Amino acid sequence: MSARWRAVSVVAAWLVAAPVVSAYLPLGTTVDGRSVLTRWTSMPIRYFVTDRGATDVSAAQLQTALAASFNTWAQVRTASVSASFAGFTNADPEREDGATVIGFQAHEELKRTLGVTTFTIDRTTGALVEADIFLNTLFDWSTAATGQTGRFDVQSTLTHEVGHLIGLGHSLLGETVLRAEGGRRVIAKRSVMFPIAYAVGTTLDRSLQDDDIAAVSATYPTPTFLRTTGSVIGRVTRGGAGIFGAHVIAVNTKTGQTVGAFSLDAQGRFSMDGLEPGIYVLRAEPLDDADVDSFFNDNVQVDANFKATFYSKLVAVPEGGAGSSVEIKVVAK
C-alpha cells in the first residue's frame, strides 16, 4: 500500500501536508502505531527530468541546475545522500507512476507557489517510493550564474525542493514581516529549508547552512556524524506543563553554529542533534515568523502563547552524545 503527500513551496507562504515526528521537522508517518521517518532506504536516488523547458530555461539547463542542487546535499560529509540522473522523459511530475520526475508545469491557480514536491510512501515501512517536483511556469525563471533581476533562481529553488525530496520539512530559522498584499517577506534566514523564499533575483539559497546540514545528517547519518557531534535534549514548559510546537534554537558561543528544533509532544520535549561539541546558548520562541500550516498539519494544535525566553544557563554539548536534560521555563504573553 502507498500514500501520496504534497509539500508546497511558495513565494510568501508555504503549506506542508505531512506528519511530524522529530527535530528539524523531517517527514514521517505512522506504521503499526509507531512514528517512523519517511526517507529513502537505498541510494542513489534515480530521477528523470521532463523534456520540456520554460521560457528562457531549457530542459538541459534545468537538469544542470538540478544536478548542482543534488550535489549540494550530497557534499555534506556527515550525511549519506546521492542521486543519479536517469534521463529525460515526456512524463509529467505529480504522477504516481513509480518514477521520480522533476520538471516545469503551469499552475496559474497557485499564485504564490514557486514549486511543489509530492511523495509516494510505502505505508508498511514508511520508505519513500518516489518523489516528484514541479516548478511553476507562472513565474519567470533564470539559471544565470549570479542570478537575474526580475527572475527566480532555478538552482536556489531546487535546492530547497530537493531538501523536501530527500525527506526534510521546514526550518524556522528566519525572520519575516507581514506584507500588505498578503503573505510574508523575508528579512533574514539561516536555513535553505526556511519556508519562505528570498526576494526575486537572489541566489543565496544555493548554499546550505548549519540547520540544513544538521537535518540531512540526522536523517541519513554517517558513523562520523554520530561519533563527532553532540545533542541537546530537554523540555519547554509553562507553569510546569509542556508546550507543543515551541521552537528551540541552539547557538555555539565559539563557532556561531546555529541549529533549531521543535518540541513535539505534550510534555514539551525536544531533541537536537548534529551540534559541534562546545558551549551553547539556548532560546525558546513561539512559531510566529511563518504560518503554522507551513510546519504542522491542520489538526495539530501549536501553543504560541509564550514569550521568547533564553535558558538560564549555558549548555555544554559533549562529543558523541547528549549532556544533562534542560528545562526552558517560559511565561505567557
Protein backbone atom coordinates (compact mmCIF):
# COMPACT_ATOMS: atom_id res chain seq x y z
CA MET A 1 0.00 0.00 0.00
CA SER A 2 1.17 3.53 -0.70
CA ALA A 3 0.16 7.07 0.15
CA ARG A 4 0.71 10.39 -1.61
CA TRP A 5 1.85 13.58 0.12
CA ARG A 6 2.50 17.10 -1.11
CA ALA A 7 4.91 19.78 0.11
CA VAL A 8 4.27 23.22 -1.35
CA SER A 9 6.97 25.87 -1.61
CA VAL A 10 5.84 29.39 -2.17
CA VAL A 11 6.92 32.97 -2.58
CA ALA A 12 5.22 34.31 0.51
CA ALA A 13 3.80 31.33 2.39
CA TRP A 14 4.12 27.55 2.46
CA LEU A 15 1.91 24.56 3.06
CA VAL A 16 3.13 21.14 4.14
CA ALA A 17 0.75 18.21 4.43
CA ALA A 18 2.86 15.67 6.28
CA PRO A 19 3.13 14.28 9.80
CA VAL A 20 5.94 15.47 12.03
CA VAL A 21 7.98 13.03 14.09
CA SER A 22 11.20 14.61 15.38
CA ALA A 23 13.58 17.56 15.36
CA TYR A 24 14.27 19.51 12.15
CA LEU A 25 10.76 18.52 11.03
CA PRO A 26 11.70 15.61 8.80
CA LEU A 27 8.77 13.93 7.14
CA GLY A 28 7.24 11.00 8.95
CA THR A 29 4.33 8.61 9.13
CA THR A 30 2.79 6.06 11.47
CA VAL A 31 3.42 2.35 10.95
CA ASP A 32 1.75 -0.14 13.30
CA GLY A 33 1.13 2.61 15.84
CA ARG A 34 4.68 3.94 15.92
CA SER A 35 6.22 7.01 14.28
CA VAL A 36 8.90 6.38 11.67
CA LEU A 37 10.99 8.64 9.46
CA THR A 38 9.96 8.88 5.84
CA ARG A 39 13.22 8.50 3.98
CA TRP A 40 14.87 6.75 1.06
CA THR A 41 16.13 3.31 2.05
CA SER A 42 18.59 2.95 -0.83
CA MET A 43 20.93 5.27 -2.70
CA PRO A 44 21.43 6.72 -5.24
CA ILE A 45 18.02 8.28 -5.84
CA ARG A 46 17.26 7.80 -9.56
CA TYR A 47 15.45 10.74 -11.12
CA PHE A 48 14.14 11.83 -14.52
CA VAL A 49 13.78 15.35 -15.92
CA THR A 50 10.90 16.36 -18.16
CA ASP A 51 11.95 17.14 -21.73
CA ARG A 52 10.02 20.44 -21.76
CA GLY A 53 11.63 23.64 -20.53
CA ALA A 54 10.14 27.02 -19.62
CA THR A 55 10.60 30.48 -21.09
CA ASP A 56 14.36 31.14 -21.31
CA VAL A 57 15.21 27.90 -19.45
CA SER A 58 15.67 24.70 -21.47
CA ALA A 59 15.25 21.17 -20.17
CA ALA A 60 19.04 20.75 -20.37
CA GLN A 61 19.58 23.90 -18.27
CA LEU A 62 17.04 22.64 -15.75
CA GLN A 63 18.95 19.37 -15.48
CA THR A 64 22.27 21.18 -14.96
CA ALA A 65 20.78 23.25 -12.14
CA LEU A 66 19.13 20.18 -10.65
CA ALA A 67 22.38 18.21 -10.67
CA ALA A 68 24.05 21.10 -8.83
CA SER A 69 21.25 21.13 -6.24
CA PHE A 70 21.52 17.38 -5.63
CA ASN A 71 25.30 17.75 -5.38
CA THR A 72 24.92 20.45 -2.73
CA TRP A 73 23.19 17.95 -0.45
CA ALA A 74 25.48 15.06 -1.46
CA GLN A 75 28.57 17.08 -0.45
CA VAL A 76 27.56 17.11 3.21
CA ARG A 77 30.31 14.91 4.65
CA THR A 78 28.28 13.73 7.62
CA ALA A 79 25.32 12.52 5.53
CA SER A 80 24.92 9.61 3.10
CA VAL A 81 22.92 11.07 0.20
CA SER A 82 23.43 10.55 -3.53
CA ALA A 83 21.42 10.84 -6.74
CA SER A 84 21.67 9.61 -10.32
CA PHE A 85 20.19 11.20 -13.45
CA ALA A 86 18.22 8.52 -15.32
CA GLY A 87 17.43 10.58 -18.43
CA PHE A 88 14.86 12.92 -19.94
CA THR A 89 11.21 11.89 -20.15
CA ASN A 90 7.93 13.12 -21.59
CA ALA A 91 6.17 12.17 -18.35
CA ASP A 92 4.82 14.89 -16.08
CA PRO A 93 5.66 15.30 -12.39
CA GLU A 94 2.91 14.55 -9.84
CA ARG A 95 2.03 11.21 -11.39
CA GLU A 96 2.04 8.18 -9.10
CA ASP A 97 3.96 6.01 -11.56
CA GLY A 98 6.92 4.82 -9.50
CA ALA A 99 9.35 7.23 -11.18
CA THR A 100 10.85 10.35 -9.62
CA VAL A 101 10.23 13.10 -12.17
CA ILE A 102 11.25 16.77 -11.96
CA GLY A 103 10.21 19.49 -14.39
CA PHE A 104 8.24 22.64 -15.17
CA GLN A 105 4.45 22.84 -15.04
CA ALA A 106 1.91 25.64 -15.41
CA HIS A 107 -0.24 26.26 -12.33
CA GLU A 108 -1.89 29.65 -12.63
CA GLU A 109 -4.13 28.85 -9.65
CA LEU A 110 -1.04 28.78 -7.38
CA LYS A 111 -0.29 32.47 -7.46
CA ARG A 112 2.33 32.47 -4.67
CA THR A 113 3.68 28.99 -5.26
CA LEU A 114 7.13 28.60 -6.78
CA GLY A 115 7.22 24.83 -6.71
CA VAL A 116 5.73 21.66 -5.28
CA THR A 117 7.24 18.39 -4.11
CA THR A 118 4.98 15.33 -3.89
CA PHE A 119 5.78 11.99 -2.30
CA THR A 120 4.61 8.42 -2.58
CA ILE A 121 5.41 6.36 0.50
CA ASP A 122 5.11 2.71 1.45
CA ARG A 123 2.61 2.63 4.30
CA THR A 124 4.00 -0.65 5.60
CA THR A 125 7.56 0.68 6.10
CA GLY A 126 7.40 4.47 5.77
CA ALA A 127 10.00 4.34 2.98
CA LEU A 128 9.85 6.80 0.09
CA VAL A 129 8.86 5.10 -3.16
CA GLU A 130 9.02 8.15 -5.42
CA ALA A 131 9.07 11.94 -5.17
CA ASP A 132 8.21 14.45 -7.90
CA ILE A 133 8.97 18.16 -8.17
CA PHE A 134 7.49 20.82 -10.40
CA LEU A 135 8.50 24.46 -10.76
CA ASN A 136 5.60 26.76 -11.59
CA THR A 137 5.86 28.45 -15.01
CA LEU A 138 3.60 31.23 -13.70
CA PHE A 139 6.90 32.79 -12.59
CA ASP A 140 9.93 33.88 -14.62
CA TRP A 141 12.99 31.68 -14.10
CA SER A 142 16.74 32.01 -14.61
CA THR A 143 19.82 29.81 -14.49
CA ALA A 144 22.27 32.74 -14.70
CA ALA A 145 25.42 32.16 -12.65
CA THR A 146 24.86 35.17 -10.40
CA GLY A 147 21.10 35.43 -10.70
CA GLN A 148 18.99 37.70 -12.89
CA THR A 149 16.91 40.71 -11.94
CA GLY A 150 13.18 40.01 -12.03
CA ARG A 151 13.57 36.21 -12.22
CA PHE A 152 13.65 33.45 -9.63
CA ASP A 153 16.78 31.32 -9.48
CA VAL A 154 16.16 27.74 -10.57
CA GLN A 155 19.05 26.25 -8.59
CA SER A 156 18.10 28.03 -5.35
CA THR A 157 14.50 26.85 -5.54
CA LEU A 158 15.51 23.32 -6.50
CA THR A 159 17.99 23.10 -3.62
CA HIS A 160 15.08 23.73 -1.27
CA GLU A 161 12.79 21.32 -3.13
CA VAL A 162 15.44 18.58 -3.18
CA GLY A 163 15.60 19.02 0.60
CA HIS A 164 11.93 18.04 0.67
CA LEU A 165 12.54 15.24 -1.83
CA ILE A 166 15.09 13.60 0.47
CA GLY A 167 12.70 13.81 3.41
CA LEU A 168 13.16 17.16 5.17
CA GLY A 169 10.45 19.52 6.33
CA HIS A 170 10.80 23.19 7.16
CA SER A 171 13.15 25.12 9.42
CA LEU A 172 12.05 28.15 11.44
CA LEU A 173 15.45 29.85 11.41
CA GLY A 174 14.40 33.09 9.75
CA GLU A 175 12.83 36.49 10.32
CA THR A 176 9.89 37.88 8.35
CA VAL A 177 7.46 40.77 8.21
CA LEU A 178 3.86 40.66 7.02
CA ARG A 179 3.19 42.14 3.60
CA ALA A 180 0.23 44.45 2.97
CA GLU A 181 -0.71 42.44 -0.12
CA GLY A 182 -0.64 39.17 1.84
CA GLY A 183 1.99 36.66 2.88
CA ARG A 184 5.38 37.44 4.39
CA ARG A 185 8.66 38.98 3.29
CA VAL A 186 11.99 37.54 4.42
CA ILE A 187 14.30 39.87 6.34
CA ALA A 188 16.94 37.21 7.01
CA LYS A 189 17.18 33.45 7.37
CA ARG A 190 19.67 30.81 8.49
CA SER A 191 18.38 27.81 6.55
CA VAL A 192 17.62 26.85 2.95
CA MET A 193 14.64 24.96 4.38
CA PHE A 194 13.00 28.09 5.81
CA PRO A 195 9.51 28.07 4.27
CA ILE A 196 9.63 31.48 2.60
CA ALA A 197 11.74 32.29 -0.44
CA TYR A 198 14.21 35.13 -0.73
CA ALA A 199 13.29 38.02 -2.99
CA VAL A 200 13.36 37.55 -6.74
CA GLY A 201 16.80 37.69 -8.36
CA THR A 202 18.86 36.25 -5.49
CA THR A 203 20.94 33.05 -5.42
CA LEU A 204 21.51 32.81 -1.66
CA ASP A 205 19.66 29.51 -1.28
CA ARG A 206 22.16 27.63 -3.41
CA SER A 207 24.26 27.08 -0.26
CA LEU A 208 23.28 25.06 2.80
CA GLN A 209 23.52 26.44 6.30
CA ASP A 210 24.06 24.85 9.72
CA ASP A 211 20.46 23.79 10.25
CA ASP A 212 20.22 22.17 6.80
CA ILE A 213 23.44 20.24 7.37
CA ALA A 214 22.29 19.01 10.79
CA ALA A 215 18.91 18.00 9.34
CA VAL A 216 20.19 15.89 6.45
CA SER A 217 22.89 14.38 8.66
CA ALA A 218 20.37 13.36 11.30
CA THR A 219 18.16 11.76 8.63
CA TYR A 220 20.98 9.94 6.78
CA PRO A 221 23.78 9.83 9.39
CA THR A 222 27.28 8.58 8.70
CA PRO A 223 29.30 6.96 11.50
CA THR A 224 31.36 10.15 11.60
CA PHE A 225 28.28 12.26 12.29
CA LEU A 226 27.19 10.06 15.18
CA ARG A 227 30.69 9.91 16.64
CA THR A 228 31.82 13.52 16.35
CA THR A 229 28.71 15.62 17.03
CA GLY A 230 26.58 16.03 20.13
CA SER A 231 22.98 16.58 21.14
CA VAL A 232 20.79 18.70 23.38
CA ILE A 233 17.64 17.23 24.91
CA GLY A 234 15.10 18.88 27.14
CA ARG A 235 11.63 20.35 27.62
CA VAL A 236 9.89 23.66 27.12
CA THR A 237 7.34 24.29 29.89
CA ARG A 238 4.95 26.98 31.11
CA GLY A 239 3.78 26.65 34.70
CA GLY A 240 5.14 23.11 34.75
CA ALA A 241 3.12 21.97 31.73
CA GLY A 242 4.76 21.06 28.44
CA ILE A 243 4.39 23.22 25.33
CA PHE A 244 3.84 21.60 21.95
CA GLY A 245 5.37 23.34 18.93
CA ALA A 246 7.86 25.59 20.71
CA HIS A 247 10.90 26.39 18.57
CA VAL A 248 14.25 25.94 20.31
CA ILE A 249 17.45 27.48 18.94
CA ALA A 250 20.98 26.47 19.93
CA VAL A 251 23.90 28.82 19.15
CA ASN A 252 27.51 27.78 19.65
CA THR A 253 29.23 30.57 21.59
CA LYS A 254 32.57 29.97 19.81
CA THR A 255 31.74 29.00 16.22
CA GLY A 256 28.30 30.57 15.81
CA GLN A 257 26.79 27.29 14.59
CA THR A 258 23.01 27.77 14.76
CA VAL A 259 20.58 24.86 14.78
CA GLY A 260 16.88 24.70 15.62
CA ALA A 261 14.31 22.10 16.67
CA PHE A 262 10.71 21.91 17.86
CA SER A 263 9.15 20.45 20.98
CA LEU A 264 6.97 17.73 19.54
CA ASP A 265 4.88 16.15 22.26
CA ALA A 266 2.52 17.12 25.07
CA GLN A 267 5.40 17.11 27.57
CA GLY A 268 7.20 19.79 25.56
CA ARG A 269 10.17 17.53 24.85
CA PHE A 270 12.72 18.36 22.16
CA SER A 271 15.90 16.76 20.84
CA MET A 272 18.51 18.48 18.74
CA ASP A 273 21.32 16.51 17.05
CA GLY A 274 24.29 17.47 14.90
CA LEU A 275 25.83 20.03 17.27
CA GLU A 276 29.56 20.67 17.30
CA PRO A 277 30.93 19.87 20.77
CA GLY A 278 31.09 23.09 22.77
CA ILE A 279 29.14 25.61 24.81
CA TYR A 280 25.70 26.73 23.63
CA VAL A 281 23.10 29.38 24.32
CA LEU A 282 19.52 28.06 24.13
CA ARG A 283 16.41 30.08 23.33
CA ALA A 284 12.77 29.02 23.07
CA GLU A 285 10.39 31.05 20.92
CA PRO A 286 6.83 30.76 19.61
CA LEU A 287 6.14 29.88 15.98
CA ASP A 288 5.45 33.38 14.68
CA ASP A 289 7.77 34.01 11.71
CA ALA A 290 5.87 31.79 9.28
CA ASP A 291 2.42 30.29 9.01
CA VAL A 292 1.75 27.38 11.36
CA ASP A 293 0.49 25.22 8.49
CA SER A 294 3.91 25.55 6.87
CA PHE A 295 5.14 23.19 9.60
CA PHE A 296 2.27 21.20 11.04
CA ASN A 297 -0.94 19.54 9.91
CA ASP A 298 -4.20 21.44 10.32
CA ASN A 299 -5.32 19.07 13.08
CA VAL A 300 -2.29 19.84 15.26
CA GLN A 301 -2.70 22.48 17.98
CA VAL A 302 0.51 24.52 18.32
CA ASP A 303 0.93 26.56 21.51
CA ALA A 304 2.37 30.01 20.69
CA ASN A 305 1.17 31.80 23.83
CA PHE A 306 4.51 32.46 25.43
CA LYS A 307 7.35 34.96 25.35
CA ALA A 308 10.67 34.17 23.73
CA THR A 309 12.95 33.00 26.56
CA PHE A 310 16.65 32.22 26.96
CA TYR A 311 17.64 29.22 29.05
CA SER A 312 19.11 30.43 32.34
CA LYS A 313 22.46 28.66 31.89
CA LEU A 314 24.99 27.92 29.20
CA VAL A 315 24.76 24.33 27.97
CA ALA A 316 27.76 22.05 27.39
CA VAL A 317 27.39 19.67 24.45
CA PRO A 318 29.75 16.66 24.56
CA GLU A 319 31.11 14.77 21.59
CA GLY A 320 29.09 11.72 20.58
CA GLY A 321 26.15 12.17 22.94
CA ALA A 322 23.96 14.49 24.99
CA GLY A 323 24.55 16.30 28.25
CA SER A 324 22.02 16.65 31.04
CA SER A 325 18.42 17.34 30.07
CA VAL A 326 17.40 21.01 30.28
CA GLU A 327 14.10 22.70 31.04
CA ILE A 328 13.36 26.05 29.47
CA LYS A 329 10.65 27.71 31.54
CA VAL A 330 8.59 30.28 29.66
CA VAL A 331 5.72 32.58 30.64
CA ALA A 332 2.54 33.54 28.84
CA LYS A 333 2.49 36.64 26.66
